[in-house]
Amino acid sequence: MMRVEKIRALKAKELTKQLDDAYQELFNLRFRHSTRQLANYSELGKVRRKIARIKTIMHERERGRK
């Protein structure tokens, strides 16, 4: 799991890639959950929080520029 400090240190392109990867991971987890192959359900929440952190930092940067 990435800490907020590490996420803040990333550049815009890297943030976008991390967000895309997190969405892909969430899709895979949801798929595994629906087919009853997911053993650890807490992973869903962890990935959702990761997405929220990344989007929050992206939004902060966007608001800071204006």
C-alpha atoms as a PDB file:
ATOM      1  CA  MET A   1       0.000   0.000   0.000  1.00  0.00           C
ATOM      2  CA  MET A   2       1.360   3.398  -0.947  1.00  0.00           C
ATOM      3  CA  ARG A   3       1.626   6.085   1.667  1.00  0.00           C
ATOM      4  CA  VAL A   4       0.282   9.561   0.952  1.00  0.00           C
ATOM      5  CA  GLU A   5       3.811  11.017   0.923  1.00  0.00           C
ATOM      6  CA  LYS A   6       4.838   8.613  -1.843  1.00  0.00           C
ATOM      7  CA  ILE A   7       1.715   9.386  -3.848  1.00  0.00           C
ATOM      8  CA  ARG A   8       2.308  13.137  -3.514  1.00  0.00           C
ATOM      9  CA  ALA A   9       5.863  12.686  -4.812  1.00  0.00           C
ATOM     10  CA  LEU A  10       4.613  11.179  -8.083  1.00  0.00           C
ATOM     11  CA  LYS A  11       4.302  13.228 -11.252  1.00  0.00           C
ATOM     12  CA  ALA A  12       0.992  13.708 -13.059  1.00  0.00           C
ATOM     13  CA  LYS A  13       1.585  10.930 -15.616  1.00  0.00           C
ATOM     14  CA  GLU A  14       2.634   8.511 -12.898  1.00  0.00           C
ATOM     15  CA  LEU A  15      -0.479   9.399 -10.880  1.00  0.00           C
ATOM     16  CA  THR A  16      -2.673   8.734 -13.882  1.00  0.00           C
ATOM     17  CA  LYS A  17      -0.995   5.369 -14.438  1.00  0.00           C
ATOM     18  CA  GLN A  18      -1.391   4.459 -10.761  1.00  0.00           C
ATOM     19  CA  LEU A  19      -5.083   5.382 -10.950  1.00  0.00           C
ATOM     20  CA  ASP A  20      -5.591   3.268 -14.073  1.00  0.00           C
ATOM     21  CA  ASP A  21      -3.816   0.345 -12.433  1.00  0.00           C
ATOM     22  CA  ALA A  22      -5.933   0.691  -9.302  1.00  0.00           C
ATOM     23  CA  TYR A  23      -9.153   0.695 -11.331  1.00  0.00           C
ATOM     24  CA  GLN A  24      -7.974  -2.426 -13.174  1.00  0.00           C
ATOM     25  CA  GLU A  25      -7.148  -4.084  -9.861  1.00  0.00           C
ATOM     26  CA  LEU A  26     -10.584  -3.163  -8.491  1.00  0.00           C
ATOM     27  CA  PHE A  27     -12.241  -4.634 -11.585  1.00  0.00           C
ATOM     28  CA  ASN A  28     -10.296  -7.880 -11.148  1.00  0.00           C
ATOM     29  CA  LEU A  29     -11.171  -8.074  -7.458  1.00  0.00           C
ATOM     30  CA  ARG A  30     -14.853  -7.477  -8.179  1.00  0.00           C
ATOM     31  CA  PHE A  31     -14.790 -10.164 -10.835  1.00  0.00           C
ATOM     32  CA  ARG A  32     -13.129 -12.645  -8.481  1.00  0.00           C
ATOM     33  CA  HIS A  33     -15.633 -11.719  -5.783  1.00  0.00           C
ATOM     34  CA  SER A  34     -18.604 -12.337  -8.074  1.00  0.00           C
ATOM     35  CA  THR A  35     -17.239 -15.742  -9.071  1.00  0.00           C
ATOM     36  CA  ARG A  36     -16.573 -16.582  -5.395  1.00  0.00           C
ATOM     37  CA  GLN A  37     -12.828 -16.870  -5.907  1.00  0.00           C
ATOM     38  CA  LEU A  38     -11.875 -13.970  -3.644  1.00  0.00           C
ATOM     39  CA  ALA A  39     -10.711 -15.136  -0.235  1.00  0.00           C
ATOM     40  CA  ASN A  40      -9.826 -11.789   1.340  1.00  0.00           C
ATOM     41  CA  TYR A  41     -12.719  -9.347   0.943  1.00  0.00           C
ATOM     42  CA  SER A  42     -10.861  -6.538   2.692  1.00  0.00           C
ATOM     43  CA  GLU A  43      -8.800  -6.075  -0.475  1.00  0.00           C
ATOM     44  CA  LEU A  44     -11.813  -4.411  -2.108  1.00  0.00           C
ATOM     45  CA  GLY A  45     -11.858  -1.662   0.509  1.00  0.00           C
ATOM     46  CA  LYS A  46      -8.107  -1.191   0.372  1.00  0.00           C
ATOM     47  CA  VAL A  47      -8.168  -0.634  -3.379  1.00  0.00           C
ATOM     48  CA  ARG A  48     -11.143   1.731  -3.122  1.00  0.00           C
ATOM     49  CA  ARG A  49      -9.277   3.799  -0.518  1.00  0.00           C
ATOM     50  CA  LYS A  50      -6.182   3.821  -2.744  1.00  0.00           C
ATOM     51  CA  ILE A  51      -8.275   5.184  -5.618  1.00  0.00           C
ATOM     52  CA  ALA A  52      -9.769   7.830  -3.320  1.00  0.00           C
ATOM     53  CA  ARG A  53      -6.302   8.917  -2.147  1.00  0.00           C
ATOM     54  CA  ILE A  54      -5.006   9.267  -5.687  1.00  0.00           C
ATOM     55  CA  LYS A  55      -8.085  11.165  -6.862  1.00  0.00           C
ATOM     56  CA  THR A  56      -7.910  13.474  -3.842  1.00  0.00           C
ATOM     57  CA  ILE A  57      -4.297  14.376  -4.556  1.00  0.00           C
ATOM     58  CA  MET A  58      -5.058  14.916  -8.246  1.00  0.00           C
ATOM     59  CA  HIS A  59      -7.951  17.196  -7.294  1.00  0.00           C
ATOM     60  CA  GLU A  60      -5.776  19.119  -4.808  1.00  0.00           C
ATOM     61  CA  ARG A  61      -3.211  19.749  -7.514  1.00  0.00           C
ATOM     62  CA  GLU A  62      -5.886  20.835  -9.961  1.00  0.00           C
ATOM     63  CA  ARG A  63      -7.411  23.263  -7.465  1.00  0.00           C
ATOM     64  CA  GLY A  64      -3.993  24.608  -6.490  1.00  0.00           C
ATOM     65  CA  ARG A  65      -3.194  25.659 -10.033  1.00  0.00           C
ATOM     66  CA  LYS A  66      -6.328  27.730 -10.472  1.00  0.00           C
END
